[in-house]
Protein backbone atom coordinates (compact mmCIF):
# COMPACT_ATOMS: atom_id res chain seq x y z
CA MET A 1 114.05 63.74 127.55
CA LYS A 2 114.33 64.67 124.22
CA PRO A 3 112.67 68.07 122.66
CA SER A 4 109.90 67.72 120.64
CA ARG A 5 110.11 68.11 116.98
CA THR A 6 108.13 71.33 117.12
CA ILE A 7 110.64 73.01 119.65
CA THR A 8 113.61 71.93 117.80
CA THR A 9 112.06 73.37 114.48
CA VAL A 10 111.35 76.60 116.15
CA LEU A 11 114.99 76.69 117.74
CA ALA A 12 116.51 76.27 114.57
CA ALA A 13 114.27 78.68 112.74
CA ILE A 14 115.35 81.39 115.14
CA LEU A 15 118.82 81.14 113.21
CA LEU A 16 117.11 82.12 109.97
CA LEU A 17 115.76 85.54 111.09
CA MET A 18 119.31 86.62 109.78
CA ILE A 19 119.01 87.67 106.53
CA SER A 20 121.18 85.89 103.98
CA ALA A 21 122.43 88.71 101.98
CA ASP A 22 126.19 89.21 100.83
CA GLN A 23 126.04 91.92 101.04
CA GLY A 24 119.73 125.52 123.64
CA ASP A 25 119.48 128.00 125.37
CA ALA A 26 117.12 129.07 128.15
CA GLN A 27 114.54 130.49 125.88
CA THR A 28 114.27 127.70 123.62
CA LYS A 29 114.06 124.86 126.30
CA PRO A 30 110.09 125.50 127.04
CA LYS A 31 109.48 125.15 123.60
CA ALA A 32 111.59 121.91 123.13
CA LYS A 33 109.82 120.79 126.28
CA GLU A 34 106.23 121.44 124.76
CA GLU A 35 107.20 119.74 121.43
CA SER A 36 108.27 116.71 123.25
CA LYS A 37 105.20 116.51 125.07
CA ASN A 38 103.12 116.75 122.15
CA VAL A 39 105.00 113.97 120.53
CA GLU A 40 104.61 111.60 123.47
CA SER A 41 100.92 112.25 123.67
CA LYS A 42 100.23 110.32 120.47
CA LYS A 43 101.22 106.88 119.06
CA GLU A 44 102.68 106.07 115.90
CA ILE A 45 100.64 103.32 114.24
CA ALA A 46 101.64 101.43 111.15
CA VAL A 47 98.76 100.06 109.24
CA VAL A 48 99.75 97.39 106.84
CA GLU A 49 97.18 96.43 104.39
CA THR A 50 97.69 92.98 102.93
CA SER A 51 96.15 90.48 100.36
CA LEU A 52 94.56 88.79 103.25
CA GLY A 53 93.38 91.86 105.58
CA THR A 54 94.79 94.67 107.54
CA PHE A 55 96.97 94.75 110.80
CA GLU A 56 98.07 97.80 112.55
CA PHE A 57 101.09 97.71 115.00
CA GLU A 58 102.44 100.56 117.41
CA LEU A 59 105.68 101.90 116.84
CA TYR A 60 107.96 101.92 119.85
CA ARG A 61 109.95 105.08 118.99
CA ASN A 62 111.03 105.56 122.60
CA ASP A 63 112.59 102.06 122.49
CA ALA A 64 114.19 102.00 119.15
CA PRO A 65 114.25 105.85 117.93
CA LYS A 66 116.49 104.93 114.76
CA THR A 67 114.72 101.66 113.76
CA VAL A 68 111.44 103.59 113.84
CA GLU A 69 112.69 106.43 111.92
CA ASN A 70 113.83 104.23 109.17
CA PHE A 71 110.41 102.04 108.89
CA VAL A 72 108.31 105.10 108.92
CA LYS A 73 110.54 107.03 106.14
CA LEU A 74 110.59 103.93 104.04
CA ALA A 75 106.94 103.40 104.44
CA GLN A 76 106.09 107.32 103.51
CA LYS A 77 108.17 106.61 100.34
CA SER A 78 105.81 103.56 99.71
CA PHE A 79 108.84 101.20 99.95
CA PHE A 80 106.92 98.33 101.36
CA ASP A 81 104.28 98.81 99.14
CA GLY A 82 103.72 95.82 96.53
CA MET A 83 106.14 93.62 98.59
CA ARG A 84 105.63 89.82 99.47
CA VAL A 85 105.81 88.02 102.94
CA HIS A 86 108.46 86.14 101.55
CA ARG A 87 108.75 83.66 104.76
CA VAL A 88 106.23 82.15 106.94
CA ALA A 89 107.75 80.02 109.80
CA LYS A 90 104.78 77.67 111.02
CA GLY A 91 104.16 78.85 114.95
CA PHE A 92 106.82 81.21 114.97
CA VAL A 93 107.03 84.40 112.47
CA ILE A 94 105.98 85.94 109.07
CA GLN A 95 108.76 87.99 107.47
CA SER A 96 108.73 90.73 104.95
CA GLY A 97 110.52 94.03 104.21
CA ASP A 98 112.71 92.81 100.97
CA GLU A 99 112.32 94.69 98.19
CA LYS A 100 113.36 92.10 95.86
CA SER A 101 110.27 90.35 96.79
CA LYS A 102 108.54 92.52 94.45
CA ASP A 103 109.86 90.65 91.48
CA PRO A 104 109.02 87.32 90.30
CA LYS A 105 111.95 87.11 88.49
CA LYS A 106 114.04 87.39 91.60
CA ILE A 107 112.17 84.57 93.47
CA ASN A 108 115.41 82.77 94.45
CA GLU A 109 116.98 85.99 96.06
CA TRP A 110 114.00 86.66 98.24
CA GLY A 111 115.00 87.26 101.80
CA THR A 112 118.67 88.56 100.63
CA GLY A 113 117.62 92.21 100.27
CA GLY A 114 117.11 95.15 102.11
CA LYS A 115 117.71 98.89 102.52
CA SER A 116 117.71 101.69 104.93
CA ILE A 117 117.25 105.74 104.90
CA TYR A 118 120.82 105.70 106.16
CA GLY A 119 122.36 104.53 102.94
CA LYS A 120 123.92 101.46 104.64
CA ASP A 121 122.86 98.91 107.61
CA PHE A 122 122.27 100.64 111.09
CA ALA A 123 123.23 99.26 114.49
CA ASP A 124 120.79 97.32 116.58
CA GLU A 125 118.94 98.94 119.36
CA LEU A 126 118.98 96.19 122.16
CA ASN A 127 118.60 98.34 125.63
CA PRO A 128 117.80 96.22 128.55
CA ALA A 129 116.21 98.84 130.25
CA THR A 130 113.26 99.33 127.78
CA PRO A 131 110.02 98.15 128.32
CA SER A 132 110.06 96.25 124.93
CA TYR A 133 113.28 94.38 125.61
CA LYS A 134 112.01 93.34 128.83
CA GLU A 135 108.90 91.95 127.49
CA GLY A 136 110.75 89.96 124.85
CA TYR A 137 109.57 88.18 122.00
CA LYS A 138 105.73 87.77 122.43
CA LYS A 139 102.92 87.05 120.17
CA GLY A 140 102.58 90.10 117.87
CA VAL A 141 105.75 91.60 118.42
CA VAL A 142 107.30 93.16 115.53
CA ALA A 143 111.11 92.94 115.19
CA MET A 144 114.04 93.75 112.81
CA ALA A 145 115.55 90.60 110.90
CA ASN A 146 119.16 90.78 110.49
CA ARG A 147 122.32 88.77 109.29
CA GLY A 148 124.51 89.39 112.43
CA PRO A 149 125.08 91.94 114.95
CA ASN A 150 124.38 95.64 113.70
CA THR A 151 122.96 94.79 110.28
CA ASN A 152 119.53 96.24 109.92
CA SER A 153 117.84 97.61 106.94
CA SER A 154 114.45 96.90 106.37
CA GLN A 155 113.61 93.13 106.73
CA PHE A 156 111.09 92.57 109.59
CA PHE A 157 109.04 89.69 111.07
CA VAL A 158 106.03 89.50 113.30
CA MET A 159 105.99 86.65 116.03
CA LEU A 160 103.05 84.34 115.95
CA SER A 161 103.74 83.10 119.53
CA ASP A 162 105.29 83.57 122.65
CA LEU A 163 108.99 82.47 122.47
CA ASP A 164 110.74 83.70 126.01
CA ARG A 165 114.01 81.52 125.35
CA MET A 166 114.66 83.42 121.81
CA PRO A 167 117.87 85.44 122.12
CA LYS A 168 117.72 89.03 122.09
CA ASN A 169 119.62 89.87 119.13
CA TYR A 170 116.63 91.36 116.96
CA THR A 171 115.66 94.88 117.82
CA ILE A 172 112.12 94.97 118.69
CA PHE A 173 110.49 98.22 117.38
CA GLY A 174 106.73 97.36 117.67
CA LYS A 175 103.79 95.23 118.58
CA VAL A 176 100.34 94.30 116.92
CA ILE A 177 97.50 96.13 118.54
CA ARG A 178 94.51 95.53 115.90
CA GLY A 179 94.26 92.88 113.42
CA MET A 180 96.34 89.86 114.82
CA GLU A 181 93.94 87.66 113.38
CA VAL A 182 94.97 88.92 109.95
CA VAL A 183 98.85 87.91 111.07
CA GLU A 184 97.61 84.26 112.08
CA LYS A 185 95.87 84.00 108.83
CA ILE A 186 99.06 84.36 107.08
CA GLY A 187 100.84 82.33 109.37
CA ASN A 188 98.43 79.57 108.45
CA VAL A 189 98.74 79.83 104.71
CA GLU A 190 100.17 76.77 102.84
CA ILE A 191 104.15 77.16 101.98
CA ILE A 192 106.55 75.63 99.96
CA PRO A 193 109.11 74.83 102.41
CA GLY A 194 112.79 75.69 102.11
CA MET A 195 116.02 74.78 103.85
CA MET A 196 114.75 74.98 107.47
CA GLY A 197 112.45 72.06 106.93
CA PRO A 198 108.90 71.19 106.40
CA THR A 199 107.37 74.27 108.57
CA ASP A 200 109.48 77.08 107.28
CA GLY A 201 109.04 78.65 103.84
CA ARG A 202 107.73 81.09 101.46
CA PRO A 203 103.97 81.02 100.91
CA LYS A 204 102.51 78.98 97.69
CA GLU A 205 100.15 81.41 96.90
CA ASP A 206 101.58 85.24 97.22
CA VAL A 207 100.56 87.16 100.42
CA LEU A 208 101.36 91.02 99.41
CA LEU A 209 101.86 93.97 101.69
CA LYS A 210 99.46 96.25 99.56
CA LYS A 211 100.25 99.27 101.40
CA VAL A 212 102.10 100.39 104.39
CA THR A 213 100.86 103.79 106.00
CA ILE A 214 101.67 105.83 109.26
CA THR A 215 99.22 107.30 111.20
CA LYS A 216 98.85 109.04 114.81
CA ALA A 217 96.35 108.06 117.73
CA PRO A 218 95.66 109.46 121.20
CA ALA A 219 97.91 107.49 123.66
CA ALA A 220 95.07 106.17 125.16
CA THR A 221 94.20 104.15 122.24
CA LYS A 222 94.46 100.43 122.50
């Protein structure tokens, strides 16, 4: 039985999640324990204001500490503000995080950029023991795009559907907890198809990340 065109397209699109760039002592222990407890008592939430609405996702610092630290510090520097969603793969992902997408003159380079707070690409955080790794690429999951192992920078994607067969090659660092309808709205915009076929390309009308901020909420918040 031959696979449907939709399944084939989605599996092929997985390949393009890769960016195409060239490119103390005993007295201190109680205090450290208390500080750790305070950190764990609150969720870190990324609030993403787009031109089509706002969505929020919880950041998984315990699962991917280096990736979350990178995203948080970039957001605090307003790095993402003004970027475009440069890719929509229907039924699969929306993708952003490329600073080149702020410049219309670099339209042919959108999807090839990326920066990190570490001054270079950083390693994957793919620990099979973590809850996010075990859950896999479900609808609303936020993960890093890359161009191969250990080449993370700033590009990320949000899953539009569950894809259990997707290879676990992309660091999961969060999941949408509010505003999934906005993500779906972005995923449904008209696109200009790219090399991956008629269901994968850039939005015909710009979808902007107007502002990305980081907040904290009680751990009980859903």
